[in-house]
């Protein structure tokens, strides 16, 4: 199985503590076509941990990629095979995360310094599965020359059979910057990613980093094959509502925000029936009414009531009613004016 340019046009980035199964189910209600990624899961956690807890997902989440962390080829190959058997559509290797925990495990962004090892890992993973194996990387780390570091990593992994690379167009500074600072402070170099695509027209290249809006994303599509949004898509998830039309030519109208809330109710009921408290879901919903009348009331009601009434999904409909009341009041004032 291989990826095509059509399948990777738009994706939501893997984000630790954010893109869990509840968030992904929610995002899938907004866009049917955006490619979704799990949080990074270490290969050894999958090999030796609670696989159901780590890997379970709803069928509605497809197309869905599993992002792995690790630096041991054999362990990654085994975890990739487990992920394939679990039903994932793609296995992605994290070569970009700069957190201390990742560095101590000798994987993530520090792997930019060992391209031969990455290529060996990718070859082992590719040989263990039939689904695509892909790489998400930075343009370099610390004092590396990005022109050399990025191109060397891609060329070696290409020789191992990798055909899709997602490039966060910043360096990662392993010394001196926190993971949060690494998301903003290192300057973006989109042009370098464009150059990578021009040098390897046979590869699929997606660009990531600092992209805030869909018009910005569309501009990048003139130079690369795909665009990946992270925090912007999480904080204002309804911006995904036009992805299917804008990137994939779909004609079906997206669900409204109100319809999405109602579609979430059965999921919330199933969740609490299994003993999971409501905030596991509602923490991902805070931005649904971002920029809309009643958005603040929505956030406040969920944040104040979901923790206290953790097994009562009606918190969602109550919050929606507050939004609708505020919007009706605004409309009435506009008509009166």
Protein backbone atom coordinates (compact mmCIF):
# COMPACT_ATOMS: atom_id res chain seq x y z
CA UNK A 1 0.00 0.00 0.00
CA UNK A 2 1.35 3.46 -0.83
CA UNK A 3 0.35 7.04 -0.23
CA UNK A 4 -0.72 9.38 -3.01
CA UNK A 5 -0.60 13.13 -3.30
CA UNK A 6 -4.38 13.20 -2.91
CA UNK A 7 -4.37 11.39 0.42
CA UNK A 8 -1.85 13.64 2.19
CA UNK A 9 -2.98 17.11 1.12
CA UNK A 10 -4.08 18.13 4.61
CA UNK A 11 -3.30 16.64 8.02
CA UNK A 12 -3.46 17.49 11.70
CA UNK A 13 -0.15 17.18 13.50
CA UNK A 14 0.55 14.61 16.21
CA UNK A 15 0.61 16.55 19.49
CA UNK A 16 1.47 15.09 22.87
CA UNK A 17 -1.41 15.29 25.36
CA UNK A 18 -3.68 16.73 22.67
CA UNK A 19 -4.38 14.40 19.74
CA UNK A 20 -5.68 11.47 21.74
CA UNK A 21 -8.53 9.27 20.56
CA UNK A 22 -11.23 11.59 21.95
CA UNK A 23 -9.83 14.63 20.17
CA UNK A 24 -9.46 12.69 16.93
CA UNK A 25 -13.08 11.47 17.03
CA UNK A 26 -14.17 15.07 17.54
CA UNK A 27 -12.02 16.37 14.67
CA UNK A 28 -13.33 13.65 12.36
CA UNK A 29 -16.85 15.03 12.83
CA UNK A 30 -15.60 18.31 11.37
CA UNK A 31 -13.54 16.93 8.46
CA UNK A 32 -13.97 13.54 6.82
CA UNK A 33 -10.77 13.80 4.76
CA UNK A 34 -8.08 15.40 6.93
CA UNK A 35 -5.39 12.87 7.81
CA UNK A 36 -5.13 12.40 11.57
CA UNK A 37 -2.16 11.32 13.67
CA UNK A 38 -1.90 9.84 17.13
CA UNK A 39 0.20 11.30 19.88
CA UNK A 40 3.69 9.86 19.77
CA UNK A 41 3.82 6.42 21.40
CA UNK A 42 7.16 4.81 22.13
CA UNK A 43 7.90 1.49 20.50
CA UNK A 44 8.62 -0.19 23.82
CA UNK A 45 5.37 1.09 25.35
CA UNK A 46 3.53 -0.71 22.55
CA UNK A 47 5.65 -3.83 22.86
CA UNK A 48 5.34 -4.19 26.63
CA UNK A 49 2.46 -1.92 27.73
CA UNK A 50 -1.33 -1.86 27.66
CA UNK A 51 -1.92 -2.00 23.92
CA UNK A 52 -5.65 -1.47 24.09
CA UNK A 53 -5.17 1.71 26.11
CA UNK A 54 -2.42 2.96 23.83
CA UNK A 55 -3.76 1.95 20.43
CA UNK A 56 -7.55 1.58 20.44
CA UNK A 57 -9.47 3.94 18.22
CA UNK A 58 -12.87 4.29 16.58
CA UNK A 59 -13.26 3.17 12.97
CA UNK A 60 -14.55 6.66 12.17
CA UNK A 61 -11.06 8.07 12.80
CA UNK A 62 -9.65 6.75 9.50
CA UNK A 63 -7.50 7.81 7.72
CA UNK A 64 -5.30 7.54 10.80
CA UNK A 65 -1.55 7.29 11.29
CA UNK A 66 0.29 5.93 14.32
CA UNK A 67 3.34 7.97 15.30
CA UNK A 68 6.13 6.00 16.93
CA UNK A 69 9.07 7.14 18.99
CA UNK A 70 12.24 5.09 19.23
CA UNK A 71 15.70 4.47 17.88
CA UNK A 72 16.05 0.69 17.90
CA UNK A 73 15.27 -0.82 14.51
CA UNK A 74 14.06 -4.17 15.82
CA UNK A 75 11.78 -2.61 18.43
CA UNK A 76 10.34 -0.14 15.93
CA UNK A 77 9.73 -2.89 13.39
CA UNK A 78 7.83 -4.94 15.98
CA UNK A 79 5.78 -1.92 17.11
CA UNK A 80 5.03 -1.01 13.49
CA UNK A 81 3.71 -4.49 12.82
CA UNK A 82 1.53 -4.32 15.93
CA UNK A 83 0.20 -0.96 14.71
CA UNK A 84 -0.57 -2.38 11.30
CA UNK A 85 -2.39 -5.32 12.84
CA UNK A 86 -4.34 -2.88 15.01
CA UNK A 87 -5.70 -1.26 11.87
CA UNK A 88 -3.68 1.92 11.38
CA UNK A 89 -3.25 3.29 7.87
CA UNK A 90 0.33 4.57 8.26
CA UNK A 91 3.27 4.33 10.63
CA UNK A 92 5.18 7.56 11.20
CA UNK A 93 8.54 7.95 12.96
CA UNK A 94 9.08 10.99 15.15
CA UNK A 95 12.37 12.66 14.24
CA UNK A 96 11.31 16.10 15.44
CA UNK A 97 10.22 16.22 19.08
CA UNK A 98 12.75 18.17 21.20
CA UNK A 99 11.48 17.34 24.71
CA UNK A 100 13.91 16.31 27.45
CA UNK A 101 12.13 12.98 27.85
CA UNK A 102 12.59 12.21 24.17
CA UNK A 103 16.24 13.23 24.23
CA UNK A 104 16.96 11.02 27.21
CA UNK A 105 15.59 8.10 25.23
CA UNK A 106 17.77 8.95 22.24
CA UNK A 107 14.96 9.54 19.80
CA UNK A 108 12.89 12.40 18.46
CA UNK A 109 14.75 15.45 17.14
CA UNK A 110 18.17 14.22 18.26
CA UNK A 111 17.87 11.55 15.54
CA UNK A 112 18.55 14.32 13.03
CA UNK A 113 22.18 13.82 14.09
CA UNK A 114 22.20 10.12 13.12
CA UNK A 115 20.64 9.84 9.63
CA UNK A 116 22.12 6.39 9.01
CA UNK A 117 20.40 5.08 12.13
CA UNK A 118 17.10 6.62 11.05
CA UNK A 119 17.43 5.01 7.63
CA UNK A 120 18.12 1.63 9.25
CA UNK A 121 15.04 2.05 11.45
CA UNK A 122 12.87 3.01 8.49
CA UNK A 123 14.13 0.05 6.45
CA UNK A 124 13.30 -2.33 9.29
CA UNK A 125 9.83 -0.84 9.71
CA UNK A 126 9.16 -0.90 5.99
CA UNK A 127 10.14 -4.55 5.80
CA UNK A 128 7.79 -5.46 8.64
CA UNK A 129 4.55 -3.91 7.30
CA UNK A 130 2.54 -3.44 4.12
CA UNK A 131 1.22 0.02 5.03
CA UNK A 132 3.23 3.22 4.38
CA UNK A 133 6.04 4.20 6.74
CA UNK A 134 6.80 7.92 6.90
CA UNK A 135 9.09 10.39 8.66
CA UNK A 136 8.26 13.62 10.51
CA UNK A 137 11.39 15.67 11.07
CA UNK A 138 12.88 19.11 11.65
CA UNK A 139 15.23 20.87 9.24
CA UNK A 140 18.08 20.31 11.68
CA UNK A 141 19.14 20.59 15.31
CA UNK A 142 21.49 22.91 17.17
CA UNK A 143 24.44 23.97 15.02
CA UNK A 144 23.67 21.70 12.07
CA UNK A 145 23.50 23.26 8.62
CA UNK A 146 19.87 22.60 7.59
CA UNK A 147 20.88 22.41 3.92
CA UNK A 148 23.02 19.44 4.80
CA UNK A 149 21.10 17.88 7.71
CA UNK A 150 17.65 17.83 6.10
CA UNK A 151 18.79 16.72 2.67
CA UNK A 152 21.06 14.00 4.07
CA UNK A 153 18.30 12.57 6.27
CA UNK A 154 15.81 12.55 3.40
CA UNK A 155 18.20 11.03 0.90
CA UNK A 156 19.23 8.22 3.23
CA UNK A 157 15.63 7.44 4.18
CA UNK A 158 14.63 7.61 0.53
CA UNK A 159 17.22 4.91 -0.15
CA UNK A 160 15.51 2.86 2.56
CA UNK A 161 12.21 3.12 0.68
CA UNK A 162 10.52 6.09 2.39
CA UNK A 163 8.47 8.20 0.01
CA UNK A 164 6.66 10.69 2.30
CA UNK A 165 8.34 13.22 4.60
CA UNK A 166 6.61 15.75 6.84
CA UNK A 167 9.00 18.59 7.58
CA UNK A 168 8.57 21.02 10.47
CA UNK A 169 10.32 23.98 8.88
CA UNK A 170 12.33 24.99 11.95
CA UNK A 171 15.44 23.80 13.63
CA UNK A 172 15.12 22.27 17.08
CA UNK A 173 17.54 23.52 19.72
CA UNK A 174 18.21 20.65 22.10
CA UNK A 175 20.27 22.91 24.35
CA UNK A 176 18.99 26.25 25.56
CA UNK A 177 15.33 26.16 24.52
CA UNK A 178 12.36 24.45 26.13
CA UNK A 179 10.01 22.31 24.02
CA UNK A 180 7.50 25.17 24.09
CA UNK A 181 10.13 27.68 22.95
CA UNK A 182 11.19 25.28 20.19
CA UNK A 183 7.71 25.66 18.69
CA UNK A 184 8.12 29.41 18.19
CA UNK A 185 11.62 30.81 18.58
CA UNK A 186 13.69 29.07 15.89
CA UNK A 187 12.97 30.89 12.63
CA UNK A 188 10.86 29.23 9.97
CA UNK A 189 12.49 28.32 6.67
CA UNK A 190 9.68 27.36 4.32
CA UNK A 191 11.90 28.00 1.30
CA UNK A 192 14.21 25.15 2.32
CA UNK A 193 11.27 22.74 2.34
CA UNK A 194 10.25 23.99 -1.10
CA UNK A 195 13.82 23.35 -2.26
CA UNK A 196 13.63 19.82 -0.88
CA UNK A 197 10.51 19.13 -2.96
CA UNK A 198 12.11 20.65 -6.06
CA UNK A 199 15.17 18.44 -5.58
CA UNK A 200 13.04 15.31 -5.06
CA UNK A 201 9.93 15.66 -7.24
CA UNK A 202 9.31 11.92 -6.89
CA UNK A 203 8.82 12.23 -3.12
CA UNK A 204 5.73 13.42 -1.26
CA UNK A 205 6.68 16.39 0.91
CA UNK A 206 4.37 17.90 3.52
CA UNK A 207 5.16 21.15 5.33
CA UNK A 208 4.47 21.93 8.99
CA UNK A 209 5.20 24.74 11.40
CA UNK A 210 3.66 28.16 12.04
CA UNK A 211 0.74 27.76 9.63
CA UNK A 212 -2.30 29.45 11.15
CA UNK A 213 -5.00 29.56 8.46
CA UNK A 214 -6.28 27.61 5.50
CA UNK A 215 -5.44 30.41 3.05
CA UNK A 216 -1.82 30.17 4.27
CA UNK A 217 -1.99 26.41 3.81
CA UNK A 218 -3.26 26.82 0.26
CA UNK A 219 -0.32 29.07 -0.58
CA UNK A 220 2.11 26.35 0.49
CA UNK A 221 0.38 23.86 -1.79
CA UNK A 222 1.91 25.64 -4.78
CA UNK A 223 5.29 24.30 -3.65
CA UNK A 224 4.69 21.04 -1.75
CA UNK A 225 2.27 18.11 -1.71
CA UNK A 226 0.70 18.50 1.70
CA UNK A 227 0.22 20.83 4.65
CA UNK A 228 0.06 19.85 8.32
CA UNK A 229 -1.48 22.14 10.95
CA UNK A 230 -0.98 21.64 14.67
CA UNK A 231 -1.90 24.13 17.37
CA UNK A 232 -4.03 26.28 15.06
CA UNK A 233 -6.26 23.28 14.30
CA UNK A 234 -6.48 22.35 17.96
CA UNK A 235 -7.30 25.78 19.32
CA UNK A 236 -9.79 26.62 16.56
CA UNK A 237 -10.93 23.18 15.39
CA UNK A 238 -13.82 24.38 13.27
CA UNK A 239 -11.37 25.81 10.75
CA UNK A 240 -11.25 22.19 9.53
CA UNK A 241 -14.85 22.53 8.35
CA UNK A 242 -13.81 23.71 4.89
CA UNK A 243 -10.81 21.37 4.46
CA UNK A 244 -12.83 18.75 2.56
CA UNK A 245 -14.05 21.31 0.04
CA UNK A 246 -10.90 23.43 -0.20
CA UNK A 247 -8.35 20.61 -0.45
CA UNK A 248 -10.30 17.62 -1.72
CA UNK A 249 -13.10 19.10 -3.81
CA UNK A 250 -15.87 17.61 -1.67
CA UNK A 251 -19.31 19.08 -2.22
CA UNK A 252 -21.09 17.79 0.88
CA UNK A 253 -21.75 20.62 3.31
CA UNK A 254 -19.88 20.37 6.62
CA UNK A 255 -21.75 19.80 9.86
CA UNK A 256 -22.56 22.94 11.80
CA UNK A 257 -21.08 23.48 15.23
CA UNK A 258 -24.45 22.70 16.77
CA UNK A 259 -24.75 19.48 14.77
CA UNK A 260 -21.30 18.43 15.93
CA UNK A 261 -22.31 18.85 19.57
CA UNK A 262 -25.34 16.63 19.02
CA UNK A 263 -23.21 14.06 17.17
CA UNK A 264 -20.86 13.99 20.16
CA UNK A 265 -23.59 13.12 22.64
CA UNK A 266 -23.71 9.35 21.92
CA UNK A 267 -19.92 9.26 22.12
CA UNK A 268 -19.98 11.08 25.46
CA UNK A 269 -22.65 8.74 26.77
CA UNK A 270 -20.62 5.71 25.74
CA UNK A 271 -17.54 7.21 27.34
CA UNK A 272 -19.05 7.81 30.76
CA UNK A 273 -20.85 4.46 30.67
CA UNK A 274 -17.40 2.84 30.47
CA UNK A 275 -16.18 4.83 33.45
CA UNK A 276 -14.27 7.62 31.69
CA UNK A 277 -15.02 11.05 33.08
CA UNK A 278 -16.39 13.75 30.81
CA UNK A 279 -13.35 16.09 30.91
CA UNK A 280 -11.42 13.51 28.89
CA UNK A 281 -13.59 14.70 25.99
CA UNK A 282 -14.62 18.24 26.90
CA UNK A 283 -11.05 19.48 27.33
CA UNK A 284 -10.70 19.13 23.54
CA UNK A 285 -13.91 21.01 22.77
CA UNK A 286 -13.10 24.40 24.27
CA UNK A 287 -12.33 26.02 20.91
CA UNK A 288 -15.38 24.79 19.00
CA UNK A 289 -17.10 28.18 19.23
CA UNK A 290 -13.88 30.20 18.92
CA UNK A 291 -14.70 33.67 17.62
CA UNK A 292 -18.45 33.07 17.85
CA UNK A 293 -21.05 34.75 20.02
CA UNK A 294 -21.37 32.64 23.15
CA UNK A 295 -17.92 31.12 22.80
CA UNK A 296 -16.85 32.32 26.23
CA UNK A 297 -20.01 30.94 27.83
CA UNK A 298 -19.36 27.58 26.14
CA UNK A 299 -15.84 27.36 27.51
CA UNK A 300 -16.83 28.49 30.99
CA UNK A 301 -19.71 26.06 31.32
CA UNK A 302 -17.63 23.10 30.19
CA UNK A 303 -14.63 24.00 32.34
CA UNK A 304 -16.72 24.59 35.47
CA UNK A 305 -19.24 21.77 35.15
CA UNK A 306 -17.57 18.85 33.37
CA UNK A 307 -15.12 18.19 36.24
CA UNK A 308 -17.87 18.40 38.86
CA UNK A 309 -20.40 16.33 36.91
CA UNK A 310 -17.99 13.98 35.22
CA UNK A 311 -20.61 11.38 34.31
CA UNK A 312 -23.33 13.72 33.01
CA UNK A 313 -23.17 14.32 29.22
CA UNK A 314 -26.02 16.84 29.49
CA UNK A 315 -23.29 19.35 30.36
CA UNK A 316 -22.73 19.55 26.60
CA UNK A 317 -26.34 20.38 25.73
CA UNK A 318 -26.50 22.91 28.56
CA UNK A 319 -23.41 24.67 27.21
CA UNK A 320 -24.88 24.63 23.71
CA UNK A 321 -28.13 26.16 24.98
CA UNK A 322 -26.14 29.04 26.49
CA UNK A 323 -24.44 29.62 23.16
CA UNK A 324 -27.71 29.56 21.25
CA UNK A 325 -29.29 31.98 23.73
CA UNK A 326 -26.40 34.39 23.36
CA UNK A 327 -26.51 34.16 19.57
CA UNK A 328 -30.26 34.76 19.53
CA UNK A 329 -29.80 37.82 21.74
CA UNK A 330 -27.11 39.16 19.41
CA UNK A 331 -29.32 38.62 16.35
CA UNK A 332 -32.22 40.40 18.03
CA UNK A 333 -30.06 43.38 18.87
CA UNK A 334 -28.77 43.56 15.30
CA UNK A 335 -32.29 43.45 13.90
CA UNK A 336 -33.44 46.11 16.34
CA UNK A 337 -30.50 48.30 15.40
